[in-house]
Amino acid sequence: MTIPEDQPLSLKAFQQHIYDRYHDTDAARGTPGTFMWLVEEVGELATALHKSVGEGGDTSGDSDPAGEFADVVAWLCTLANINGVDLEEAIRDKYLRGDGPKGHK
């Protein structure tokens, strides 16, 4: 599935893109290995945010928070794919139907 750059991007379309492009490799790696990749990407995001925000907003150097956010979403989609979870539907069920979750979201 190719997603044109001039078209709006839905979470469902992106999750399908990740599935189409990477599913065989992702499924072979399995949930534990994929979860570790996700955790590593979250760590890289934390580092990028620390560099860009923690140092007075200086975004010079090798800090790329936007790219790291994208990596985290991609790996989350991968993890959802190999566990049979439709992220868009899960988000709708939890956050958009009824009163949503109770708490501090």
N, C-alpha and C. Protein backbone atom coordinates (compact mmCIF):
# COMPACT_ATOMS: atom_id res chain seq x y z
N MET A 1 0.85 -1.18 0.00
CA MET A 1 0.00 0.00 0.00
C MET A 1 0.89 1.24 0.00
N THR A 2 0.73 2.06 -1.00
CA THR A 2 1.45 3.32 -1.06
C THR A 2 0.50 4.43 -0.65
N ILE A 3 0.95 5.27 0.26
CA ILE A 3 0.13 6.36 0.74
C ILE A 3 0.67 7.65 0.12
N PRO A 4 -0.13 8.29 -0.76
CA PRO A 4 0.33 9.53 -1.39
C PRO A 4 0.60 10.61 -0.35
N GLU A 5 1.68 11.34 -0.55
CA GLU A 5 2.07 12.37 0.41
C GLU A 5 1.07 13.50 0.51
N ASP A 6 0.27 13.73 -0.53
CA ASP A 6 -0.68 14.83 -0.50
C ASP A 6 -2.05 14.41 0.05
N GLN A 7 -2.16 13.18 0.53
CA GLN A 7 -3.41 12.68 1.10
C GLN A 7 -3.33 12.67 2.63
N PRO A 8 -4.47 12.88 3.30
CA PRO A 8 -4.46 12.73 4.76
C PRO A 8 -4.05 11.30 5.13
N LEU A 9 -3.38 11.18 6.24
CA LEU A 9 -2.91 9.87 6.70
C LEU A 9 -3.69 9.45 7.94
N SER A 10 -4.35 8.32 7.84
CA SER A 10 -5.06 7.79 9.01
C SER A 10 -4.16 6.79 9.72
N LEU A 11 -4.44 6.58 10.99
CA LEU A 11 -3.70 5.56 11.74
C LEU A 11 -3.91 4.19 11.12
N LYS A 12 -5.13 3.90 10.69
CA LYS A 12 -5.42 2.61 10.06
C LYS A 12 -4.58 2.40 8.80
N ALA A 13 -4.48 3.44 7.97
CA ALA A 13 -3.70 3.32 6.74
C ALA A 13 -2.22 3.14 7.06
N PHE A 14 -1.71 3.85 8.05
CA PHE A 14 -0.30 3.69 8.40
C PHE A 14 -0.03 2.31 8.97
N GLN A 15 -0.92 1.82 9.84
CA GLN A 15 -0.75 0.49 10.40
C GLN A 15 -0.77 -0.56 9.28
N GLN A 16 -1.63 -0.38 8.29
CA GLN A 16 -1.67 -1.31 7.16
C GLN A 16 -0.38 -1.23 6.35
N HIS A 17 0.14 -0.03 6.15
CA HIS A 17 1.42 0.15 5.44
C HIS A 17 2.54 -0.61 6.15
N ILE A 18 2.61 -0.46 7.46
CA ILE A 18 3.63 -1.18 8.25
C ILE A 18 3.44 -2.69 8.10
N TYR A 19 2.20 -3.14 8.15
CA TYR A 19 1.91 -4.57 7.97
C TYR A 19 2.38 -5.05 6.60
N ASP A 20 1.97 -4.34 5.56
CA ASP A 20 2.31 -4.75 4.20
C ASP A 20 3.82 -4.80 3.98
N ARG A 21 4.51 -3.85 4.54
CA ARG A 21 5.95 -3.74 4.28
C ARG A 21 6.81 -4.65 5.15
N TYR A 22 6.40 -4.88 6.41
CA TYR A 22 7.30 -5.53 7.37
C TYR A 22 6.76 -6.78 8.06
N HIS A 23 5.52 -7.18 7.79
CA HIS A 23 4.89 -8.20 8.63
C HIS A 23 5.66 -9.52 8.72
N ASP A 24 6.18 -10.03 7.63
CA ASP A 24 6.86 -11.33 7.68
C ASP A 24 8.05 -11.29 8.65
N THR A 25 8.85 -10.25 8.55
CA THR A 25 10.01 -10.11 9.44
C THR A 25 9.54 -9.89 10.88
N ASP A 26 8.52 -9.04 11.04
CA ASP A 26 8.02 -8.72 12.38
C ASP A 26 7.45 -9.96 13.05
N ALA A 27 6.67 -10.74 12.32
CA ALA A 27 6.06 -11.94 12.89
C ALA A 27 7.13 -12.95 13.29
N ALA A 28 8.18 -13.06 12.49
CA ALA A 28 9.26 -13.99 12.82
C ALA A 28 10.00 -13.56 14.08
N ARG A 29 10.13 -12.24 14.29
CA ARG A 29 10.80 -11.72 15.48
C ARG A 29 9.96 -11.99 16.73
N GLY A 30 8.65 -11.90 16.60
CA GLY A 30 7.74 -12.18 17.70
C GLY A 30 7.54 -10.99 18.63
N THR A 31 6.63 -11.18 19.56
CA THR A 31 6.25 -10.11 20.48
C THR A 31 7.39 -9.69 21.40
N PRO A 32 8.10 -10.60 22.07
CA PRO A 32 9.15 -10.14 22.99
C PRO A 32 10.23 -9.29 22.31
N GLY A 33 10.72 -9.75 21.16
CA GLY A 33 11.76 -9.00 20.45
C GLY A 33 11.24 -7.67 19.92
N THR A 34 10.02 -7.66 19.44
CA THR A 34 9.43 -6.43 18.93
C THR A 34 9.19 -5.44 20.05
N PHE A 35 8.75 -5.93 21.20
CA PHE A 35 8.56 -5.05 22.35
C PHE A 35 9.88 -4.40 22.76
N MET A 36 10.95 -5.15 22.71
CA MET A 36 12.26 -4.58 23.05
C MET A 36 12.66 -3.49 22.06
N TRP A 37 12.35 -3.66 20.77
CA TRP A 37 12.63 -2.61 19.79
C TRP A 37 11.81 -1.36 20.11
N LEU A 38 10.53 -1.56 20.48
CA LEU A 38 9.69 -0.42 20.85
C LEU A 38 10.27 0.32 22.04
N VAL A 39 10.70 -0.42 23.05
CA VAL A 39 11.28 0.20 24.24
C VAL A 39 12.55 0.97 23.88
N GLU A 40 13.37 0.41 23.00
CA GLU A 40 14.58 1.11 22.56
C GLU A 40 14.22 2.42 21.86
N GLU A 41 13.20 2.39 21.02
CA GLU A 41 12.78 3.61 20.33
C GLU A 41 12.22 4.65 21.31
N VAL A 42 11.51 4.20 22.33
CA VAL A 42 11.03 5.13 23.35
C VAL A 42 12.22 5.77 24.07
N GLY A 43 13.25 4.99 24.32
CA GLY A 43 14.48 5.53 24.91
C GLY A 43 15.14 6.56 24.01
N GLU A 44 15.17 6.29 22.71
CA GLU A 44 15.74 7.25 21.77
C GLU A 44 14.91 8.52 21.71
N LEU A 45 13.60 8.38 21.83
CA LEU A 45 12.72 9.56 21.88
C LEU A 45 13.01 10.37 23.14
N ALA A 46 13.17 9.69 24.26
CA ALA A 46 13.48 10.38 25.51
C ALA A 46 14.78 11.17 25.39
N THR A 47 15.78 10.56 24.79
CA THR A 47 17.07 11.24 24.59
C THR A 47 16.92 12.45 23.69
N ALA A 48 16.18 12.29 22.59
CA ALA A 48 15.98 13.40 21.65
C ALA A 48 15.22 14.54 22.31
N LEU A 49 14.21 14.21 23.11
CA LEU A 49 13.46 15.25 23.81
C LEU A 49 14.33 15.96 24.84
N HIS A 50 15.14 15.20 25.53
CA HIS A 50 16.05 15.81 26.52
C HIS A 50 17.01 16.79 25.84
N LYS A 51 17.52 16.38 24.70
CA LYS A 51 18.46 17.25 23.98
C LYS A 51 17.77 18.50 23.44
N SER A 52 16.53 18.35 22.92
CA SER A 52 15.89 19.50 22.28
C SER A 52 15.13 20.38 23.27
N VAL A 53 14.54 19.80 24.28
CA VAL A 53 13.76 20.57 25.25
C VAL A 53 14.54 20.80 26.52
N GLY A 54 15.26 19.79 26.94
CA GLY A 54 15.99 19.87 28.21
C GLY A 54 17.14 20.85 28.19
N GLU A 55 17.57 21.24 27.02
CA GLU A 55 18.69 22.17 26.92
C GLU A 55 18.22 23.50 26.35
N GLY A 56 17.10 23.98 26.89
CA GLY A 56 16.62 25.29 26.49
C GLY A 56 16.04 25.37 25.10
N GLY A 57 15.59 24.23 24.56
CA GLY A 57 14.98 24.24 23.24
C GLY A 57 15.97 24.25 22.10
N ASP A 58 17.23 24.01 22.37
CA ASP A 58 18.25 23.99 21.32
C ASP A 58 18.09 22.72 20.50
N THR A 59 17.63 22.87 19.25
CA THR A 59 17.42 21.70 18.40
C THR A 59 18.57 21.49 17.43
N SER A 60 19.69 22.13 17.67
CA SER A 60 20.85 21.89 16.81
C SER A 60 21.46 20.53 17.16
N GLY A 61 22.32 20.06 16.31
CA GLY A 61 22.98 18.78 16.57
C GLY A 61 22.17 17.62 16.00
N ASP A 62 22.31 16.45 16.64
CA ASP A 62 21.72 15.25 16.09
C ASP A 62 20.35 14.91 16.69
N SER A 63 19.75 15.81 17.44
CA SER A 63 18.46 15.55 18.04
C SER A 63 17.35 15.63 16.99
N ASP A 64 16.50 14.60 16.92
CA ASP A 64 15.41 14.56 15.95
C ASP A 64 14.15 14.02 16.64
N PRO A 65 13.53 14.82 17.51
CA PRO A 65 12.33 14.31 18.19
C PRO A 65 11.23 13.87 17.23
N ALA A 66 11.00 14.61 16.14
CA ALA A 66 9.93 14.24 15.21
C ALA A 66 10.19 12.85 14.61
N GLY A 67 11.41 12.59 14.22
CA GLY A 67 11.75 11.28 13.67
C GLY A 67 11.59 10.17 14.69
N GLU A 68 11.95 10.48 15.94
CA GLU A 68 11.81 9.47 17.00
C GLU A 68 10.35 9.21 17.34
N PHE A 69 9.51 10.27 17.32
CA PHE A 69 8.07 10.05 17.50
C PHE A 69 7.55 9.12 16.41
N ALA A 70 7.98 9.35 15.17
CA ALA A 70 7.55 8.51 14.05
C ALA A 70 7.99 7.06 14.25
N ASP A 71 9.22 6.87 14.72
CA ASP A 71 9.71 5.51 14.98
C ASP A 71 8.89 4.81 16.05
N VAL A 72 8.54 5.53 17.11
CA VAL A 72 7.74 4.93 18.19
C VAL A 72 6.38 4.50 17.65
N VAL A 73 5.74 5.35 16.86
CA VAL A 73 4.44 4.99 16.29
C VAL A 73 4.58 3.78 15.37
N ALA A 74 5.63 3.75 14.56
CA ALA A 74 5.83 2.62 13.64
C ALA A 74 6.02 1.32 14.41
N TRP A 75 6.83 1.35 15.47
CA TRP A 75 7.05 0.12 16.24
C TRP A 75 5.81 -0.27 17.05
N LEU A 76 5.01 0.71 17.48
CA LEU A 76 3.76 0.40 18.15
C LEU A 76 2.81 -0.28 17.17
N CYS A 77 2.76 0.20 15.93
CA CYS A 77 1.95 -0.44 14.90
C CYS A 77 2.43 -1.87 14.64
N THR A 78 3.73 -2.05 14.60
CA THR A 78 4.29 -3.38 14.40
C THR A 78 3.85 -4.33 15.51
N LEU A 79 3.97 -3.88 16.74
CA LEU A 79 3.58 -4.70 17.89
C LEU A 79 2.08 -5.02 17.84
N ALA A 80 1.28 -4.02 17.50
CA ALA A 80 -0.16 -4.26 17.37
C ALA A 80 -0.45 -5.26 16.26
N ASN A 81 0.23 -5.12 15.12
CA ASN A 81 0.00 -6.02 14.00
C ASN A 81 0.26 -7.47 14.37
N ILE A 82 1.37 -7.75 15.01
CA ILE A 82 1.69 -9.15 15.29
C ILE A 82 0.87 -9.71 16.45
N ASN A 83 0.11 -8.83 17.11
CA ASN A 83 -0.78 -9.28 18.18
C ASN A 83 -2.25 -9.14 17.80
N GLY A 84 -2.51 -8.85 16.52
CA GLY A 84 -3.88 -8.81 16.03
C GLY A 84 -4.72 -7.66 16.57
N VAL A 85 -4.10 -6.53 16.86
CA VAL A 85 -4.82 -5.38 17.40
C VAL A 85 -4.93 -4.29 16.34
N ASP A 86 -6.15 -3.87 16.07
CA ASP A 86 -6.41 -2.73 15.19
C ASP A 86 -6.34 -1.49 16.09
N LEU A 87 -5.25 -0.73 15.97
CA LEU A 87 -5.04 0.41 16.86
C LEU A 87 -6.14 1.46 16.74
N GLU A 88 -6.58 1.73 15.53
CA GLU A 88 -7.64 2.74 15.37
C GLU A 88 -8.89 2.32 16.13
N GLU A 89 -9.27 1.07 16.00
CA GLU A 89 -10.45 0.57 16.69
C GLU A 89 -10.24 0.56 18.20
N ALA A 90 -9.05 0.18 18.64
CA ALA A 90 -8.76 0.17 20.08
C ALA A 90 -8.85 1.58 20.66
N ILE A 91 -8.35 2.57 19.93
CA ILE A 91 -8.41 3.96 20.39
C ILE A 91 -9.85 4.45 20.42
N ARG A 92 -10.61 4.12 19.38
CA ARG A 92 -12.03 4.50 19.37
C ARG A 92 -12.75 3.90 20.57
N ASP A 93 -12.53 2.59 20.80
CA ASP A 93 -13.20 1.90 21.91
C ASP A 93 -12.85 2.53 23.25
N LYS A 94 -11.60 2.83 23.46
CA LYS A 94 -11.16 3.30 24.78
C LYS A 94 -11.38 4.79 24.99
N TYR A 95 -11.12 5.61 23.97
CA TYR A 95 -11.09 7.06 24.18
C TYR A 95 -12.24 7.84 23.55
N LEU A 96 -12.91 7.30 22.55
CA LEU A 96 -13.90 8.08 21.82
C LEU A 96 -15.34 7.64 22.02
N ARG A 97 -15.55 6.46 22.56
CA ARG A 97 -16.91 5.98 22.78
C ARG A 97 -17.31 6.20 24.23
N GLY A 98 -18.54 6.58 24.41
CA GLY A 98 -19.01 6.84 25.78
C GLY A 98 -18.30 8.04 26.36
N ASP A 99 -17.98 7.96 27.61
CA ASP A 99 -17.30 9.08 28.30
C ASP A 99 -15.80 8.94 28.28
N GLY A 100 -15.28 7.92 27.61
CA GLY A 100 -13.83 7.72 27.60
C GLY A 100 -13.34 7.22 28.94
N PRO A 101 -12.04 7.06 29.08
CA PRO A 101 -11.51 6.53 30.35
C PRO A 101 -11.59 7.56 31.47
N LYS A 102 -11.69 7.06 32.65
CA LYS A 102 -11.65 7.93 33.83
C LYS A 102 -10.19 8.15 34.18
N GLY A 103 -9.86 9.31 34.71
CA GLY A 103 -8.48 9.54 35.10
C GLY A 103 -7.94 10.82 34.53
N HIS A 104 -6.67 10.85 34.28
CA HIS A 104 -5.94 12.07 33.94
C HIS A 104 -5.44 12.10 32.51
N LYS A 105 -6.19 11.65 31.56
CA LYS A 105 -5.74 11.70 30.16
C LYS A 105 -6.06 13.04 29.56
